[in-house]
Amino acid sequence: MGILERIQLFGKRKRIFGYRHLSPVVDFAHYLNAKYGFFETELPDEAVKRYLGREYRTTLRSSLKDCWQSQPVRIEMPDLEIGIALVKK
């Protein structure tokens, strides 16, 4: 249905997948809240910056995935932080 995106997690012993919600309605609601205070909540600036940074990475990952015909993966290691990782089969 295109609601969830499955992303393989690297850095684990077994083959494990993580899932990301892809609803544009949720993204739009977060944008309205960040830009105009749509839900009238007290969101700290750091939370908004973190969310927008994650959305930019997701958009860039999708573009690179399509351009290079590769599969996005997430690397989870305690001493390593990587924003975008792609695997080409």
N, C-alpha and C. Protein backbone atom coordinates (compact mmCIF):
# COMPACT_ATOMS: atom_id res chain seq x y z
N MET A 1 0.82 -1.21 0.00
CA MET A 1 0.00 0.00 0.00
C MET A 1 0.85 1.26 0.00
N GLY A 2 2.14 1.14 0.27
CA GLY A 2 3.00 2.30 0.25
C GLY A 2 2.96 3.13 1.51
N ILE A 3 2.53 2.57 2.61
CA ILE A 3 2.46 3.32 3.87
C ILE A 3 3.77 3.20 4.63
N LEU A 4 4.43 2.05 4.54
CA LEU A 4 5.68 1.81 5.26
C LEU A 4 6.81 1.51 4.28
N GLU A 5 8.01 1.94 4.66
CA GLU A 5 9.20 1.62 3.88
C GLU A 5 10.07 0.72 4.75
N ARG A 6 10.51 -0.39 4.20
CA ARG A 6 11.34 -1.34 4.94
C ARG A 6 12.81 -1.03 4.65
N ILE A 7 13.60 -0.89 5.73
CA ILE A 7 15.01 -0.57 5.62
C ILE A 7 15.80 -1.61 6.40
N GLN A 8 16.79 -2.22 5.75
CA GLN A 8 17.61 -3.22 6.42
C GLN A 8 18.56 -2.54 7.38
N LEU A 9 18.74 -3.12 8.58
CA LEU A 9 19.64 -2.58 9.59
C LEU A 9 20.97 -3.32 9.54
N PHE A 10 22.05 -2.59 9.43
CA PHE A 10 23.39 -3.18 9.47
C PHE A 10 23.98 -2.93 10.85
N GLY A 11 24.92 -3.76 11.25
CA GLY A 11 25.55 -3.64 12.55
C GLY A 11 24.95 -4.62 13.55
N LYS A 12 24.01 -5.43 13.13
CA LYS A 12 23.41 -6.47 13.97
C LYS A 12 23.88 -7.82 13.46
N ARG A 13 23.82 -8.83 14.31
CA ARG A 13 24.27 -10.17 13.89
C ARG A 13 23.29 -10.84 12.93
N LYS A 14 22.00 -10.66 13.16
CA LYS A 14 21.00 -11.28 12.29
C LYS A 14 20.51 -10.25 11.28
N ARG A 15 19.83 -10.72 10.27
CA ARG A 15 19.23 -9.84 9.27
C ARG A 15 17.95 -9.26 9.85
N ILE A 16 17.97 -7.98 10.19
CA ILE A 16 16.84 -7.31 10.83
C ILE A 16 16.43 -6.12 9.97
N PHE A 17 15.14 -5.83 9.96
CA PHE A 17 14.64 -4.70 9.20
C PHE A 17 13.97 -3.70 10.12
N GLY A 18 14.10 -2.43 9.78
CA GLY A 18 13.38 -1.36 10.45
C GLY A 18 12.34 -0.82 9.49
N TYR A 19 11.37 -0.12 9.99
CA TYR A 19 10.29 0.40 9.15
C TYR A 19 10.12 1.89 9.39
N ARG A 20 9.80 2.62 8.33
CA ARG A 20 9.58 4.06 8.40
C ARG A 20 8.21 4.36 7.82
N HIS A 21 7.48 5.23 8.50
CA HIS A 21 6.15 5.64 8.05
C HIS A 21 6.29 6.64 6.91
N LEU A 22 5.57 6.46 5.81
CA LEU A 22 5.72 7.29 4.63
C LEU A 22 4.52 8.20 4.35
N SER A 23 3.64 8.40 5.29
CA SER A 23 2.43 9.16 5.02
C SER A 23 2.72 10.64 4.79
N PRO A 24 2.34 11.19 3.62
CA PRO A 24 2.54 12.63 3.41
C PRO A 24 1.63 13.48 4.31
N VAL A 25 0.53 12.92 4.78
CA VAL A 25 -0.36 13.66 5.67
C VAL A 25 0.33 13.95 7.00
N VAL A 26 1.05 12.96 7.52
CA VAL A 26 1.78 13.17 8.78
C VAL A 26 2.90 14.18 8.56
N ASP A 27 3.62 14.09 7.45
CA ASP A 27 4.67 15.06 7.16
C ASP A 27 4.10 16.47 7.05
N PHE A 28 2.97 16.62 6.41
CA PHE A 28 2.34 17.92 6.25
C PHE A 28 1.89 18.47 7.60
N ALA A 29 1.37 17.62 8.45
CA ALA A 29 0.94 18.06 9.78
C ALA A 29 2.13 18.54 10.59
N HIS A 30 3.26 17.83 10.52
CA HIS A 30 4.46 18.27 11.23
C HIS A 30 4.98 19.59 10.66
N TYR A 31 4.90 19.75 9.35
CA TYR A 31 5.34 21.01 8.73
C TYR A 31 4.47 22.17 9.21
N LEU A 32 3.16 21.97 9.21
CA LEU A 32 2.27 23.03 9.67
C LEU A 32 2.54 23.38 11.13
N ASN A 33 2.78 22.38 11.93
CA ASN A 33 3.04 22.62 13.34
C ASN A 33 4.36 23.36 13.53
N ALA A 34 5.39 22.98 12.77
CA ALA A 34 6.69 23.63 12.90
C ALA A 34 6.66 25.06 12.38
N LYS A 35 5.95 25.28 11.30
CA LYS A 35 5.96 26.60 10.65
C LYS A 35 4.98 27.58 11.30
N TYR A 36 3.77 27.11 11.62
CA TYR A 36 2.71 28.02 12.06
C TYR A 36 2.15 27.69 13.44
N GLY A 37 2.68 26.67 14.12
CA GLY A 37 2.12 26.29 15.42
C GLY A 37 0.70 25.79 15.30
N PHE A 38 0.46 24.98 14.28
CA PHE A 38 -0.89 24.53 13.93
C PHE A 38 -1.59 23.82 15.08
N PHE A 39 -0.86 23.01 15.83
CA PHE A 39 -1.47 22.26 16.92
C PHE A 39 -1.36 22.99 18.26
N GLU A 40 -0.79 24.19 18.23
CA GLU A 40 -0.64 25.02 19.42
C GLU A 40 0.05 24.26 20.55
N THR A 41 1.12 23.58 20.20
CA THR A 41 1.92 22.89 21.20
C THR A 41 3.22 23.65 21.37
N GLU A 42 3.85 23.42 22.48
CA GLU A 42 5.13 24.07 22.77
C GLU A 42 6.26 23.13 22.36
N LEU A 43 6.64 23.15 21.10
CA LEU A 43 7.74 22.32 20.63
C LEU A 43 9.05 23.08 20.77
N PRO A 44 10.06 22.47 21.38
CA PRO A 44 11.37 23.14 21.43
C PRO A 44 11.99 23.24 20.05
N ASP A 45 12.79 24.25 19.84
CA ASP A 45 13.42 24.45 18.53
C ASP A 45 14.28 23.25 18.12
N GLU A 46 14.94 22.62 19.08
CA GLU A 46 15.80 21.48 18.76
C GLU A 46 14.99 20.31 18.18
N ALA A 47 13.79 20.09 18.69
CA ALA A 47 12.94 19.01 18.17
C ALA A 47 12.56 19.29 16.72
N VAL A 48 12.24 20.54 16.42
CA VAL A 48 11.87 20.90 15.05
C VAL A 48 13.07 20.74 14.12
N LYS A 49 14.25 21.20 14.55
CA LYS A 49 15.45 21.07 13.72
C LYS A 49 15.80 19.61 13.48
N ARG A 50 15.68 18.78 14.51
CA ARG A 50 15.96 17.35 14.37
C ARG A 50 15.00 16.72 13.38
N TYR A 51 13.70 17.07 13.45
CA TYR A 51 12.71 16.50 12.54
C TYR A 51 13.00 16.92 11.10
N LEU A 52 13.26 18.22 10.88
CA LEU A 52 13.52 18.68 9.53
C LEU A 52 14.80 18.07 8.97
N GLY A 53 15.82 17.89 9.80
CA GLY A 53 17.05 17.23 9.35
C GLY A 53 16.78 15.81 8.92
N ARG A 54 15.94 15.10 9.67
CA ARG A 54 15.59 13.72 9.33
C ARG A 54 14.81 13.68 8.01
N GLU A 55 13.91 14.64 7.80
CA GLU A 55 13.14 14.68 6.56
C GLU A 55 14.02 14.98 5.36
N TYR A 56 14.99 15.89 5.52
CA TYR A 56 15.92 16.18 4.42
C TYR A 56 16.73 14.95 4.06
N ARG A 57 17.22 14.22 5.09
CA ARG A 57 17.98 12.99 4.83
C ARG A 57 17.12 11.96 4.11
N THR A 58 15.86 11.84 4.52
CA THR A 58 14.96 10.87 3.90
C THR A 58 14.73 11.21 2.43
N THR A 59 14.50 12.49 2.14
CA THR A 59 14.27 12.92 0.76
C THR A 59 15.51 12.68 -0.08
N LEU A 60 16.69 13.03 0.46
CA LEU A 60 17.93 12.83 -0.28
C LEU A 60 18.19 11.34 -0.49
N ARG A 61 17.93 10.51 0.53
CA ARG A 61 18.12 9.06 0.40
C ARG A 61 17.23 8.50 -0.70
N SER A 62 15.97 8.94 -0.76
CA SER A 62 15.06 8.46 -1.80
C SER A 62 15.54 8.85 -3.18
N SER A 63 16.03 10.08 -3.32
CA SER A 63 16.53 10.54 -4.62
C SER A 63 17.76 9.74 -5.06
N LEU A 64 18.69 9.54 -4.13
CA LEU A 64 19.89 8.78 -4.46
C LEU A 64 19.57 7.32 -4.76
N LYS A 65 18.60 6.77 -4.02
CA LYS A 65 18.19 5.38 -4.24
C LYS A 65 17.68 5.20 -5.66
N ASP A 66 16.85 6.13 -6.11
CA ASP A 66 16.29 6.04 -7.46
C ASP A 66 17.36 6.29 -8.53
N CYS A 67 18.24 7.23 -8.26
CA CYS A 67 19.28 7.59 -9.23
C CYS A 67 20.28 6.44 -9.42
N TRP A 68 20.70 5.81 -8.33
CA TRP A 68 21.71 4.77 -8.40
C TRP A 68 21.13 3.37 -8.39
N GLN A 69 19.82 3.23 -8.40
CA GLN A 69 19.13 1.94 -8.37
C GLN A 69 19.72 1.04 -7.28
N SER A 70 19.66 1.54 -6.06
CA SER A 70 20.20 0.80 -4.92
C SER A 70 19.16 0.71 -3.82
N GLN A 71 19.51 -0.01 -2.76
CA GLN A 71 18.59 -0.24 -1.65
C GLN A 71 19.08 0.55 -0.43
N PRO A 72 18.21 1.35 0.20
CA PRO A 72 18.64 2.07 1.40
C PRO A 72 18.75 1.13 2.59
N VAL A 73 19.77 1.35 3.41
CA VAL A 73 19.97 0.58 4.63
C VAL A 73 20.27 1.56 5.77
N ARG A 74 20.11 1.11 6.99
CA ARG A 74 20.45 1.92 8.16
C ARG A 74 21.53 1.18 8.94
N ILE A 75 22.61 1.86 9.25
CA ILE A 75 23.71 1.25 9.98
C ILE A 75 23.59 1.65 11.45
N GLU A 76 23.48 0.64 12.32
CA GLU A 76 23.35 0.89 13.75
C GLU A 76 24.55 0.32 14.47
N MET A 77 25.49 1.16 14.74
CA MET A 77 26.67 0.79 15.52
C MET A 77 26.88 1.89 16.56
N PRO A 78 27.26 1.53 17.79
CA PRO A 78 27.32 2.53 18.85
C PRO A 78 28.33 3.64 18.62
N ASP A 79 29.43 3.35 17.94
CA ASP A 79 30.47 4.36 17.76
C ASP A 79 30.50 4.97 16.35
N LEU A 80 29.45 4.75 15.57
CA LEU A 80 29.42 5.20 14.19
C LEU A 80 28.07 5.83 13.88
N GLU A 81 28.09 7.04 13.32
CA GLU A 81 26.84 7.70 12.95
C GLU A 81 26.89 8.03 11.46
N ILE A 82 26.01 7.39 10.70
CA ILE A 82 25.94 7.61 9.25
C ILE A 82 24.51 8.01 8.92
N GLY A 83 24.35 9.12 8.22
CA GLY A 83 23.02 9.62 7.88
C GLY A 83 22.35 8.85 6.76
N ILE A 84 23.13 8.54 5.70
CA ILE A 84 22.58 7.86 4.52
C ILE A 84 23.51 6.73 4.14
N ALA A 85 22.96 5.55 3.94
CA ALA A 85 23.74 4.40 3.49
C ALA A 85 22.92 3.65 2.43
N LEU A 86 23.57 3.32 1.33
CA LEU A 86 22.92 2.60 0.22
C LEU A 86 23.73 1.37 -0.12
N VAL A 87 23.03 0.30 -0.49
CA VAL A 87 23.67 -0.95 -0.90
C VAL A 87 23.21 -1.25 -2.32
N LYS A 88 24.17 -1.52 -3.19
CA LYS A 88 23.83 -1.88 -4.57
C LYS A 88 24.04 -3.38 -4.72
N LYS A 89 23.02 -4.07 -5.19
CA LYS A 89 23.10 -5.53 -5.33
C LYS A 89 23.64 -5.89 -6.68
